[in-house]
Amino acid sequence: MKQIVKTYLRELPIGAIGYIVGYDKIFSGYQGKLLSMGLTPGTQFIVIRQASKIWPIILEVRGNLIKLTQPEADALCIEEDE
């Protein structure tokens, strides 16, 4: 049986490529907002900027830049493209 390892966006370096595989049930309140941003399962993204205390995480998705707060980013279940 395949072991599932949770990866967070904050763990990926700038320039990393990944895919959205789902949403964390703990943060289910963010799912609708993430879907409306186009962050659907299977979507590829590139990390443009990592979060700091005052800056959000920025992803490039389908040629668009998307800003995510830390709770929004933590709501995403992702896999890094190797």
Protein backbone atom coordinates (compact mmCIF):
# COMPACT_ATOMS: atom_id res chain seq x y z
CA MET A 1 0.00 0.00 0.00
CA LYS A 2 1.33 3.43 -0.95
CA GLN A 3 2.16 5.68 1.99
CA ILE A 4 0.70 9.16 1.70
CA VAL A 5 3.02 11.95 2.81
CA LYS A 6 1.54 15.41 3.28
CA THR A 7 3.58 18.10 1.57
CA TYR A 8 2.95 21.76 2.29
CA LEU A 9 3.54 24.61 -0.13
CA ARG A 10 5.75 26.31 2.46
CA GLU A 11 8.17 23.35 2.17
CA LEU A 12 8.76 23.84 -1.56
CA PRO A 13 11.58 26.08 -2.80
CA ILE A 14 11.02 28.97 -5.19
CA GLY A 15 10.84 27.59 -8.73
CA ALA A 16 9.49 24.21 -7.65
CA ILE A 17 6.79 22.66 -9.81
CA GLY A 18 3.95 20.72 -8.28
CA TYR A 19 0.41 19.47 -8.72
CA ILE A 20 -2.70 19.89 -6.63
CA VAL A 21 -4.07 16.52 -5.59
CA GLY A 22 -6.89 17.59 -3.25
CA TYR A 23 -7.83 19.54 -0.15
CA ASP A 24 -7.13 19.00 3.54
CA LYS A 25 -10.37 18.21 5.41
CA ILE A 26 -9.25 20.29 8.38
CA PHE A 27 -9.33 23.43 6.20
CA SER A 28 -12.53 22.51 4.32
CA GLY A 29 -13.87 26.09 4.62
CA TYR A 30 -11.27 27.21 2.06
CA GLN A 31 -12.16 24.64 -0.61
CA GLY A 32 -14.74 26.82 -2.40
CA LYS A 33 -12.38 29.79 -2.58
CA LEU A 34 -9.53 27.62 -3.88
CA LEU A 35 -11.78 26.10 -6.53
CA SER A 36 -12.88 29.58 -7.64
CA MET A 37 -9.20 30.53 -8.02
CA GLY A 38 -8.74 27.62 -10.44
CA LEU A 39 -6.80 25.47 -7.97
CA THR A 40 -8.49 22.19 -8.89
CA PRO A 41 -7.05 18.69 -8.53
CA GLY A 42 -4.58 17.94 -11.31
CA THR A 43 -3.61 21.59 -11.78
CA GLN A 44 0.12 22.25 -12.20
CA PHE A 45 1.72 25.22 -10.45
CA ILE A 46 5.12 26.87 -10.03
CA VAL A 47 6.18 28.49 -6.74
CA ILE A 48 7.08 32.11 -7.53
CA ARG A 49 7.49 33.50 -4.00
CA GLN A 50 7.40 31.90 -0.57
CA ALA A 51 5.52 33.41 2.32
CA SER A 52 7.03 35.60 4.99
CA LYS A 53 5.38 37.38 7.89
CA ILE A 54 4.04 40.09 5.60
CA TRP A 55 3.98 38.51 2.13
CA PRO A 56 1.70 35.75 0.83
CA ILE A 57 2.75 32.71 -1.17
CA ILE A 58 2.56 33.39 -4.92
CA LEU A 59 1.99 30.63 -7.44
CA GLU A 60 1.92 30.72 -11.21
CA VAL A 61 -1.07 28.72 -12.42
CA ARG A 62 -1.95 28.54 -16.12
CA GLY A 63 0.00 31.74 -16.79
CA ASN A 64 -1.66 33.67 -13.94
CA LEU A 65 -0.20 34.71 -10.59
CA ILE A 66 -2.24 33.65 -7.56
CA LYS A 67 -1.63 34.92 -4.03
CA LEU A 68 -2.41 32.58 -1.15
CA THR A 69 -2.51 33.24 2.58
CA GLN A 70 -0.89 30.60 4.79
CA PRO A 71 -4.24 28.95 5.75
CA GLU A 72 -5.27 28.81 2.07
CA ALA A 73 -1.93 27.26 1.16
CA ASP A 74 -2.19 24.74 4.02
CA ALA A 75 -5.64 23.69 2.75
CA LEU A 76 -4.07 22.34 -0.46
CA CYS A 77 -2.83 18.76 -0.71
CA ILE A 78 0.00 18.85 -3.23
CA GLU A 79 2.70 16.71 -4.79
CA GLU A 80 6.04 18.07 -5.96
CA ASP A 81 6.99 17.21 -9.53
CA GLU A 82 10.29 15.36 -9.40
